[in-house]
PDB file of N, CA and C in Angstrom:
ATOM      1  N   MET A   1      18.760   6.888 -14.674  1.00  0.00           N
ATOM      2  CA  MET A   1      17.654   5.911 -15.376  1.00  0.00           C
ATOM      3  C   MET A   1      16.579   5.953 -14.301  1.00  0.00           C
ATOM      4  N   GLN A   2      16.824   5.665 -13.223  1.00  0.00           N
ATOM      5  CA  GLN A   2      15.759   5.410 -12.367  1.00  0.00           C
ATOM      6  C   GLN A   2      14.753   6.554 -12.130  1.00  0.00           C
ATOM      7  N   ASN A   3      15.245   7.846 -12.322  1.00  0.00           N
ATOM      8  CA  ASN A   3      14.490   9.310 -12.010  1.00  0.00           C
ATOM      9  C   ASN A   3      13.586   9.275 -13.374  1.00  0.00           C
ATOM     10  N   GLY A   4      14.006   8.823 -14.385  1.00  0.00           N
ATOM     11  CA  GLY A   4      13.206   8.831 -15.783  1.00  0.00           C
ATOM     12  C   GLY A   4      11.797   7.968 -15.554  1.00  0.00           C
ATOM     13  N   THR A   5      12.367   6.824 -15.126  1.00  0.00           N
ATOM     14  CA  THR A   5      11.113   5.811 -14.867  1.00  0.00           C
ATOM     15  C   THR A   5      10.253   6.347 -13.849  1.00  0.00           C
ATOM     16  N   LEU A   6      10.797   6.715 -12.838  1.00  0.00           N
ATOM     17  CA  LEU A   6       9.853   7.342 -11.928  1.00  0.00           C
ATOM     18  C   LEU A   6       8.958   8.614 -12.174  1.00  0.00           C
ATOM     19  N   ALA A   7       9.616   9.495 -13.097  1.00  0.00           N
ATOM     20  CA  ALA A   7       8.785  10.429 -13.471  1.00  0.00           C
ATOM     21  C   ALA A   7       7.608  10.096 -14.511  1.00  0.00           C
ATOM     22  N   ILE A   8       7.993   8.840 -15.292  1.00  0.00           N
ATOM     23  CA  ILE A   8       7.043   8.534 -16.122  1.00  0.00           C
ATOM     24  C   ILE A   8       5.800   7.871 -15.472  1.00  0.00           C
ATOM     25  N   VAL A   9       6.041   7.073 -14.416  1.00  0.00           N
ATOM     26  CA  VAL A   9       5.028   6.606 -13.602  1.00  0.00           C
ATOM     27  C   VAL A   9       4.193   7.446 -12.688  1.00  0.00           C
ATOM     28  N   VAL A  10       4.784   8.401 -12.253  1.00  0.00           N
ATOM     29  CA  VAL A  10       4.292   9.484 -11.704  1.00  0.00           C
ATOM     30  C   VAL A  10       3.050  10.410 -12.748  1.00  0.00           C
ATOM     31  N   ALA A  11       3.911  10.709 -13.822  1.00  0.00           N
ATOM     32  CA  ALA A  11       3.149  11.503 -14.716  1.00  0.00           C
ATOM     33  C   ALA A  11       1.944  10.518 -15.179  1.00  0.00           C
ATOM     34  N   THR A  12       2.053   9.227 -15.444  1.00  0.00           N
ATOM     35  CA  THR A  12       0.931   8.396 -15.996  1.00  0.00           C
ATOM     36  C   THR A  12      -0.258   8.224 -14.825  1.00  0.00           C
ATOM     37  N   SER A  13       0.432   8.022 -13.527  1.00  0.00           N
ATOM     38  CA  SER A  13      -0.645   7.395 -12.518  1.00  0.00           C
ATOM     39  C   SER A  13      -1.478   8.833 -12.011  1.00  0.00           C
ATOM     40  N   VAL A  14      -0.681   9.826 -11.665  1.00  0.00           N
ATOM     41  CA  VAL A  14      -1.056  11.037 -10.920  1.00  0.00           C
ATOM     42  C   VAL A  14      -2.079  12.027 -12.054  1.00  0.00           C
ATOM     43  N   PHE A  15      -1.013  12.035 -13.442  1.00  0.00           N
ATOM     44  CA  PHE A  15      -1.707  12.886 -14.414  1.00  0.00           C
ATOM     45  C   PHE A  15      -2.353  12.533 -15.273  1.00  0.00           C
ATOM     46  N   GLY A  16      -2.691  11.025 -15.440  1.00  0.00           N
ATOM     47  CA  GLY A  16      -3.071  10.326 -16.553  1.00  0.00           C
ATOM     48  C   GLY A  16      -2.491  10.256 -17.895  1.00  0.00           C
ATOM     49  N   GLY A  17      -0.985  10.510 -17.830  1.00  0.00           N
ATOM     50  CA  GLY A  17      -0.377  10.439 -19.035  1.00  0.00           C
ATOM     51  C   GLY A  17      -0.433  11.863 -19.652  1.00  0.00           C
ATOM     52  N   GLY A  18      -0.508  11.913 -20.998  1.00  0.00           N
ATOM     53  CA  GLY A  18      -0.985  12.993 -21.902  1.00  0.00           C
ATOM     54  C   GLY A  18       0.408  13.872 -22.056  1.00  0.00           C
ATOM     55  N   LEU A  19       0.093  15.258 -21.961  1.00  0.00           N
ATOM     56  CA  LEU A  19       1.472  16.136 -21.970  1.00  0.00           C
ATOM     57  C   LEU A  19       2.302  16.067 -20.842  1.00  0.00           C
ATOM     58  N   TYR A  20       2.171  15.669 -19.879  1.00  0.00           N
ATOM     59  CA  TYR A  20       2.962  15.598 -18.597  1.00  0.00           C
ATOM     60  C   TYR A  20       3.856  14.463 -19.044  1.00  0.00           C
ATOM     61  N   LEU A  21       3.306  13.509 -19.860  1.00  0.00           N
ATOM     62  CA  LEU A  21       4.365  12.596 -20.094  1.00  0.00           C
ATOM     63  C   LEU A  21       5.800  12.661 -21.188  1.00  0.00           C
ATOM     64  N   ILE A  22       5.392  13.655 -21.838  1.00  0.00           N
ATOM     65  CA  ILE A  22       6.457  14.268 -22.901  1.00  0.00           C
ATOM     66  C   ILE A  22       7.899  14.546 -22.193  1.00  0.00           C
ATOM     67  N   PRO A  23       7.919  15.445 -21.262  1.00  0.00           N
ATOM     68  CA  PRO A  23       9.093  16.024 -20.685  1.00  0.00           C
ATOM     69  C   PRO A  23       9.813  14.733 -19.793  1.00  0.00           C
ATOM     70  N   ALA A  24       9.025  13.857 -19.267  1.00  0.00           N
ATOM     71  CA  ALA A  24       9.965  12.598 -18.655  1.00  0.00           C
ATOM     72  C   ALA A  24      10.362  11.780 -19.548  1.00  0.00           C
ATOM     73  N   ALA A  25       9.700  11.816 -20.501  1.00  0.00           N
ATOM     74  CA  ALA A  25      10.118  10.594 -21.569  1.00  0.00           C
ATOM     75  C   ALA A  25      11.353  11.311 -22.358  1.00  0.00           C
ATOM     76  N   THR A  26      11.404  12.837 -22.549  1.00  0.00           N
ATOM     77  CA  THR A  26      12.534  13.450 -23.157  1.00  0.00           C
ATOM     78  C   THR A  26      13.871  13.102 -22.265  1.00  0.00           C
ATOM     79  N   TYR A  27      13.478  13.513 -20.897  1.00  0.00           N
ATOM     80  CA  TYR A  27      14.491  13.144 -20.017  1.00  0.00           C
ATOM     81  C   TYR A  27      15.153  12.159 -20.021  1.00  0.00           C
ATOM     82  N   SER A  28      14.347  10.956 -19.993  1.00  0.00           N
ATOM     83  CA  SER A  28      14.449   9.436 -19.893  1.00  0.00           C
ATOM     84  C   SER A  28      15.474   9.389 -21.098  1.00  0.00           C
ATOM     85  N   LEU A  29      15.151   9.838 -22.210  1.00  0.00           N
ATOM     86  CA  LEU A  29      15.948   9.662 -23.586  1.00  0.00           C
ATOM     87  C   LEU A  29      17.451  10.255 -23.645  1.00  0.00           C
ATOM     88  N   ILE A  30      17.313  11.662 -23.081  1.00  0.00           N
ATOM     89  CA  ILE A  30      18.549  12.385 -23.058  1.00  0.00           C
ATOM     90  C   ILE A  30      19.513  11.602 -22.081  1.00  0.00           C
ATOM     91  N   MET A  31      19.154  11.134 -20.815  1.00  0.00           N
ATOM     92  CA  MET A  31      19.853  10.433 -19.713  1.00  0.00           C
ATOM     93  C   MET A  31      20.393   8.896 -20.429  1.00  0.00           C
ATOM     94  N   PHE A  32      19.616   8.350 -21.170  1.00  0.00           N
ATOM     95  CA  PHE A  32      20.075   7.144 -21.681  1.00  0.00           C
ATOM     96  C   PHE A  32      21.080   7.297 -22.758  1.00  0.00           C
ATOM     97  N   ALA A  33      20.886   8.091 -23.729  1.00  0.00           N
ATOM     98  CA  ALA A  33      21.909   8.637 -24.620  1.00  0.00           C
ATOM     99  C   ALA A  33      23.131   9.077 -24.252  1.00  0.00           C
ATOM    100  N   SER A  34      23.037   9.908 -23.015  1.00  0.00           N
ATOM    101  CA  SER A  34      24.088  10.274 -22.528  1.00  0.00           C
ATOM    102  C   SER A  34      25.081   9.375 -21.724  1.00  0.00           C
ATOM    103  N   SER A  35      24.521   8.250 -21.012  1.00  0.00           N
ATOM    104  CA  SER A  35      25.078   7.293 -20.516  1.00  0.00           C
ATOM    105  C   SER A  35      25.715   6.343 -21.342  1.00  0.00           C
ATOM    106  N   LEU A  36      25.184   6.097 -22.400  1.00  0.00           N
ATOM    107  CA  LEU A  36      25.849   5.328 -23.304  1.00  0.00           C
ATOM    108  C   LEU A  36      27.212   5.815 -23.906  1.00  0.00           C
ATOM    109  N   ILE A  37      26.965   7.290 -24.299  1.00  0.00           N
ATOM    110  CA  ILE A  37      28.239   7.857 -24.693  1.00  0.00           C
ATOM    111  C   ILE A  37      29.237   7.632 -23.777  1.00  0.00           C
ATOM    112  N   TYR A  38      28.945   8.077 -22.497  1.00  0.00           N
ATOM    113  CA  TYR A  38      29.933   8.172 -21.411  1.00  0.00           C
ATOM    114  C   TYR A  38      30.823   6.680 -21.218  1.00  0.00           C
ATOM    115  N   ILE A  39      29.685   5.638 -21.397  1.00  0.00           N
ATOM    116  CA  ILE A  39      30.273   4.253 -21.272  1.00  0.00           C
ATOM    117  C   ILE A  39      31.541   3.880 -22.533  1.00  0.00           C
ATOM    118  N   PHE A  40      30.767   4.352 -23.489  1.00  0.00           N
ATOM    119  CA  PHE A  40      31.628   4.009 -24.883  1.00  0.00           C
ATOM    120  C   PHE A  40      32.941   4.824 -24.621  1.00  0.00           C
ATOM    121  N   ALA A  41      32.934   6.013 -24.185  1.00  0.00           N
ATOM    122  CA  ALA A  41      34.248   6.891 -23.833  1.00  0.00           C
ATOM    123  C   ALA A  41      35.189   6.306 -22.936  1.00  0.00           C
ATOM    124  N   ILE A  42      34.542   5.762 -21.917  1.00  0.00           N
ATOM    125  CA  ILE A  42      35.402   5.116 -20.977  1.00  0.00           C
ATOM    126  C   ILE A  42      36.099   3.831 -21.326  1.00  0.00           C
ATOM    127  N   LYS A  43      35.431   2.812 -22.223  1.00  0.00           N
ATOM    128  CA  LYS A  43      35.801   1.652 -22.556  1.00  0.00           C
ATOM    129  C   LYS A  43      36.998   1.888 -23.541  1.00  0.00           C
ATOM    130  N   LYS A  44      37.186   2.997 -24.289  1.00  0.00           N
ATOM    131  CA  LYS A  44      38.233   3.288 -25.221  1.00  0.00           C
ATOM    132  C   LYS A  44      39.521   3.322 -24.529  1.00  0.00           C
TER     133      LYS A  44
END
């Protein structure tokens, strides 16, 4: 989660957002979804 947030901050501040923000946001969404799946699998 922290790496995705850092990537979004860097993409926004250094590169001004735009197309550089798409891979960072995609990475964040994939990591968030996979962590939720892992948590629900562990709780069962």
